[in-house]
Amino acid sequence: MTVVAISQPMYFPWAGFMEMMKLADVFLWLDDAQFSKGSFTNRIQVRTRSGTKWMTIPLEGKGTSQQIVALRPKGDKWAISHRSLLQTSLKYAPHRKTALDLFDRAQKQTDLCDLLIASAEEQARALNVLPPHRARTSRMDVRGESWRRVLALVQSVGGTHYISGAGGARYIDHSAFDAAGVAVSYMEYNPVPWPQHGAAFTPYVTALDLIGARGDAAHTHLRPGLTPWRERLAKMENSDVPTD
């Protein structure tokens, strides 16, 4: 069985994203998708003693009507402010140097899309969950729209099992995947809480927070699960399970 996950690039994503990467044999970066303002492509939350703050990369033209691969940052002062915010956030973290060094390595990328991908892959590497095979869809000659392209992408890398986020339930034709011999399962995010100094625990911050807190033991806090699509849809029919 070859397990495939597909996601748009994201900036130093949260621990749940790392859980998806942990389960994948092949991870496809959907970098030719159109940028969506308000998404996590160019921003992530950082924990502070008073709550959370957004760490956002400003974009030229605000990213309007551009593919992610074509995005360009506006100026370069944001990188300095982001590192300063992280230093403050991780002030009492025992492995803060590990997390900040990881941040610095990713920031060496001069292309924004390269930076976004590096930010996630550096985290995954530190957590020992980096999928053995990765590719960017902008470099793959795979056409189609919506679920048809998803299926074609999975098939193009020999995938037999596709992992989807919750939003896939809104548009995937599960019967078509079944007919093609590709199983579909949905992510069940379940990170184990880790120490967060001076604030109520939240998993919805950059995974740098987890790495800074736990170092080499950080991977033990990732506890992903999968639900087959039929079971997932049944749960949605009988509860308020979100589709986003």
Protein backbone atom coordinates (compact mmCIF):
# COMPACT_ATOMS: atom_id res chain seq x y z
CA MET A 1 0.00 0.00 0.00
CA THR A 2 1.26 3.46 -0.92
CA VAL A 3 -0.27 6.25 1.16
CA VAL A 4 -0.49 9.69 -0.45
CA ALA A 5 -1.30 13.06 1.16
CA ILE A 6 -1.72 16.33 -0.72
CA SER A 7 -1.64 19.84 0.73
CA GLN A 8 -0.99 23.41 -0.24
CA PRO A 9 2.30 24.73 1.19
CA MET A 10 1.94 26.29 4.64
CA TYR A 11 4.20 28.46 6.79
CA PHE A 12 5.64 26.54 9.78
CA PRO A 13 2.37 24.62 10.19
CA TRP A 14 0.81 23.23 13.36
CA ALA A 15 1.37 19.78 14.89
CA GLY A 16 -1.72 18.34 13.18
CA PHE A 17 -0.09 18.98 9.81
CA MET A 18 2.92 17.04 11.03
CA GLU A 19 0.61 14.17 11.92
CA MET A 20 -0.57 14.02 8.31
CA MET A 21 3.02 14.00 7.09
CA LYS A 22 3.79 11.15 9.50
CA LEU A 23 1.22 8.90 7.83
CA ALA A 24 2.25 9.57 4.22
CA ASP A 25 4.60 7.59 2.01
CA VAL A 26 4.29 10.28 -0.67
CA PHE A 27 3.52 13.93 0.08
CA LEU A 28 2.49 16.19 -2.78
CA TRP A 29 2.79 19.96 -2.40
CA LEU A 30 -0.14 21.58 -4.23
CA ASP A 31 1.88 24.66 -5.07
CA ASP A 32 0.01 25.49 -8.29
CA ALA A 33 -3.27 26.06 -6.43
CA GLN A 34 -4.57 29.62 -6.35
CA PHE A 35 -3.67 31.50 -3.19
CA SER A 36 -6.59 32.04 -0.84
CA LYS A 37 -6.47 35.11 1.38
CA GLY A 38 -6.97 34.19 5.03
CA SER A 39 -5.58 30.68 4.55
CA PHE A 40 -2.58 29.27 6.40
CA THR A 41 -0.36 29.51 3.33
CA ASN A 42 1.52 32.59 4.54
CA ARG A 43 0.64 32.74 8.22
CA ILE A 44 0.56 30.73 11.44
CA GLN A 45 -0.27 31.43 15.06
CA VAL A 46 2.41 31.77 17.72
CA ARG A 47 1.74 31.35 21.43
CA THR A 48 2.35 34.27 23.78
CA ARG A 49 1.74 34.67 27.50
CA SER A 50 -1.38 36.69 26.71
CA GLY A 51 -2.77 34.35 24.06
CA THR A 52 -1.85 33.81 20.42
CA LYS A 53 -0.58 36.15 17.71
CA TRP A 54 -0.43 35.74 13.96
CA MET A 55 2.95 35.48 12.27
CA THR A 56 2.13 36.59 8.71
CA ILE A 57 4.29 37.06 5.61
CA PRO A 58 3.06 40.20 3.77
CA LEU A 59 2.56 39.61 0.05
CA GLU A 60 3.10 41.74 -3.02
CA GLY A 61 -0.33 42.63 -4.37
CA LYS A 62 -1.75 40.73 -1.39
CA GLY A 63 -1.42 37.56 -3.46
CA THR A 64 -4.53 38.35 -5.50
CA SER A 65 -5.31 35.82 -8.26
CA GLN A 66 -1.88 34.21 -8.07
CA GLN A 67 -0.79 30.62 -7.80
CA ILE A 68 1.10 29.88 -4.60
CA VAL A 69 4.26 29.15 -6.58
CA ALA A 70 4.16 32.70 -7.96
CA LEU A 71 3.74 34.52 -4.63
CA ARG A 72 6.32 37.11 -3.66
CA PRO A 73 6.89 38.62 -0.21
CA LYS A 74 6.50 42.34 0.33
CA GLY A 75 9.83 43.57 1.68
CA ASP A 76 12.08 41.59 4.00
CA LYS A 77 11.66 43.14 7.45
CA TRP A 78 8.96 40.60 8.32
CA ALA A 79 11.57 37.82 8.76
CA ILE A 80 13.32 39.79 11.51
CA SER A 81 10.06 40.51 13.31
CA HIS A 82 8.99 36.86 13.05
CA ARG A 83 12.23 35.67 14.63
CA SER A 84 11.86 38.23 17.40
CA LEU A 85 8.31 37.05 18.07
CA LEU A 86 9.47 33.44 18.20
CA GLN A 87 12.30 34.31 20.57
CA THR A 88 9.78 35.88 22.92
CA SER A 89 7.34 32.99 22.53
CA LEU A 90 10.01 30.36 23.22
CA LYS A 91 11.80 32.30 25.96
CA TYR A 92 11.30 29.57 28.56
CA ALA A 93 11.35 26.57 26.20
CA PRO A 94 14.22 24.20 27.08
CA HIS A 95 14.93 23.46 23.40
CA ARG A 96 14.42 26.96 22.05
CA LYS A 97 17.78 26.94 20.22
CA THR A 98 16.75 23.85 18.26
CA ALA A 99 13.52 25.53 17.17
CA LEU A 100 15.18 28.84 16.29
CA ASP A 101 17.95 27.13 14.33
CA LEU A 102 15.25 25.31 12.36
CA PHE A 103 13.55 28.63 11.66
CA ASP A 104 16.84 30.11 10.46
CA ARG A 105 17.54 27.19 8.09
CA ALA A 106 14.18 27.56 6.39
CA GLN A 107 14.63 31.32 6.06
CA LYS A 108 17.72 30.79 3.89
CA GLN A 109 15.37 30.08 0.97
CA THR A 110 15.14 33.09 -1.33
CA ASP A 111 11.97 31.99 -3.15
CA LEU A 112 8.80 32.28 -1.06
CA CYS A 113 7.25 28.97 -2.13
CA ASP A 114 10.55 27.23 -1.44
CA LEU A 115 10.53 28.83 2.00
CA LEU A 116 6.98 27.67 2.76
CA ILE A 117 7.81 24.10 1.80
CA ALA A 118 11.14 24.18 3.66
CA SER A 119 9.44 25.49 6.80
CA ALA A 120 7.17 22.43 6.95
CA GLU A 121 9.81 19.92 5.86
CA GLU A 122 12.38 21.19 8.37
CA GLN A 123 9.81 20.71 11.14
CA ALA A 124 8.93 17.23 9.84
CA ARG A 125 12.61 16.30 9.68
CA ALA A 126 13.13 17.42 13.30
CA LEU A 127 10.10 15.34 14.33
CA ASN A 128 11.32 12.35 12.30
CA VAL A 129 8.10 12.28 10.23
CA LEU A 130 9.34 13.57 6.87
CA PRO A 131 7.73 11.42 4.14
CA PRO A 132 10.33 9.56 2.08
CA HIS A 133 8.94 10.89 -1.19
CA ARG A 134 7.83 14.47 -1.88
CA ALA A 135 6.97 16.35 -5.06
CA ARG A 136 5.51 19.67 -6.20
CA THR A 137 2.43 19.53 -8.39
CA SER A 138 3.61 22.52 -10.46
CA ARG A 139 6.33 20.21 -11.77
CA MET A 140 3.98 17.33 -12.53
CA ASP A 141 2.13 17.10 -15.83
CA VAL A 142 -1.18 16.13 -14.24
CA ARG A 143 -4.30 17.97 -15.37
CA GLY A 144 -7.88 18.12 -14.13
CA GLU A 145 -10.12 19.92 -11.71
CA SER A 146 -11.33 19.27 -8.18
CA TRP A 147 -11.41 15.59 -7.10
CA ARG A 148 -10.53 14.39 -10.61
CA ARG A 149 -7.12 16.01 -10.38
CA VAL A 150 -6.64 14.70 -6.84
CA LEU A 151 -7.31 11.16 -8.06
CA ALA A 152 -5.03 11.64 -11.07
CA LEU A 153 -2.23 12.94 -8.83
CA VAL A 154 -2.55 9.99 -6.48
CA GLN A 155 -2.51 7.54 -9.39
CA SER A 156 0.48 9.27 -11.01
CA VAL A 157 2.67 8.35 -8.01
CA GLY A 158 1.30 4.83 -7.65
CA GLY A 159 -0.90 5.69 -4.67
CA THR A 160 -3.42 3.16 -3.36
CA HIS A 161 -4.59 5.09 -0.30
CA TYR A 162 -5.39 8.81 -0.17
CA ILE A 163 -5.43 10.80 3.07
CA SER A 164 -7.76 13.79 3.07
CA GLY A 165 -8.43 16.63 5.46
CA ALA A 166 -12.03 17.11 6.62
CA GLY A 167 -12.83 19.53 3.78
CA GLY A 168 -12.49 16.77 1.20
CA ALA A 169 -15.85 15.36 2.25
CA ARG A 170 -17.53 18.29 0.50
CA TYR A 171 -16.32 17.46 -3.00
CA ILE A 172 -14.65 14.03 -3.31
CA ASP A 173 -16.50 11.43 -5.36
CA HIS A 174 -15.66 8.47 -3.15
CA SER A 175 -17.22 5.93 -5.50
CA ALA A 176 -14.85 7.07 -8.27
CA PHE A 177 -11.85 6.52 -5.98
CA ASP A 178 -13.19 3.09 -5.05
CA ALA A 179 -13.61 2.21 -8.71
CA ALA A 180 -10.01 3.24 -9.35
CA GLY A 181 -8.76 1.06 -6.48
CA VAL A 182 -7.79 3.99 -4.27
CA ALA A 183 -8.96 3.92 -0.65
CA VAL A 184 -9.88 7.25 0.96
CA SER A 185 -9.49 8.01 4.65
CA TYR A 186 -9.90 11.20 6.66
CA MET A 187 -7.43 12.61 9.16
CA GLU A 188 -8.19 12.44 12.85
CA TYR A 189 -5.90 14.99 14.51
CA ASN A 190 -4.94 14.06 18.04
CA PRO A 191 -1.68 15.68 19.23
CA VAL A 192 -0.79 15.01 22.87
CA PRO A 193 -0.51 18.25 24.89
CA TRP A 194 2.98 19.52 25.66
CA PRO A 195 4.21 22.09 28.21
CA GLN A 196 3.40 25.69 27.31
CA HIS A 197 4.73 28.23 29.76
CA GLY A 198 2.34 30.84 31.12
CA ALA A 199 -0.68 30.15 28.89
CA ALA A 200 -3.58 27.75 28.50
CA PHE A 201 -2.60 24.92 26.17
CA THR A 202 -3.45 25.19 22.48
CA PRO A 203 -2.26 22.86 19.70
CA TYR A 204 -3.16 25.43 17.02
CA VAL A 205 0.22 27.12 16.89
CA THR A 206 3.35 26.46 14.88
CA ALA A 207 4.96 23.07 15.56
CA LEU A 208 8.10 25.06 16.45
CA ASP A 209 6.38 25.44 19.80
CA LEU A 210 6.30 21.65 20.26
CA ILE A 211 9.90 21.25 19.10
CA GLY A 212 11.07 24.01 21.42
CA ALA A 213 9.30 22.45 24.37
CA ARG A 214 10.23 18.80 23.87
CA GLY A 215 13.27 18.58 21.58
CA ASP A 216 14.09 14.99 20.57
CA ALA A 217 10.97 13.75 22.39
CA ALA A 218 8.63 15.99 20.39
CA HIS A 219 7.61 13.20 18.01
CA THR A 220 5.98 11.31 20.90
CA HIS A 221 3.25 13.96 20.96
CA LEU A 222 2.05 13.10 17.46
CA ARG A 223 -0.79 10.59 17.60
CA PRO A 224 -2.55 10.65 14.22
CA GLY A 225 -5.53 8.55 13.27
CA LEU A 226 -7.46 7.75 10.11
CA THR A 227 -11.17 7.17 9.54
CA PRO A 228 -12.36 5.36 6.36
CA TRP A 229 -14.61 7.57 4.23
CA ARG A 230 -17.82 5.62 4.80
CA GLU A 231 -17.39 5.82 8.56
CA ARG A 232 -16.51 9.50 8.31
CA LEU A 233 -19.61 10.36 6.29
CA ALA A 234 -21.80 8.34 8.65
CA LYS A 235 -20.45 10.32 11.60
CA MET A 236 -21.15 13.57 9.77
CA GLU A 237 -24.75 12.54 9.14
CA ASN A 238 -25.30 11.83 12.83
CA SER A 239 -23.35 14.63 14.44
CA ASP A 240 -21.94 18.10 14.04
CA VAL A 241 -18.60 16.91 12.64
CA PRO A 242 -17.17 19.90 10.70
CA THR A 243 -16.41 19.70 7.00
CA ASP A 244 -13.64 22.34 7.04
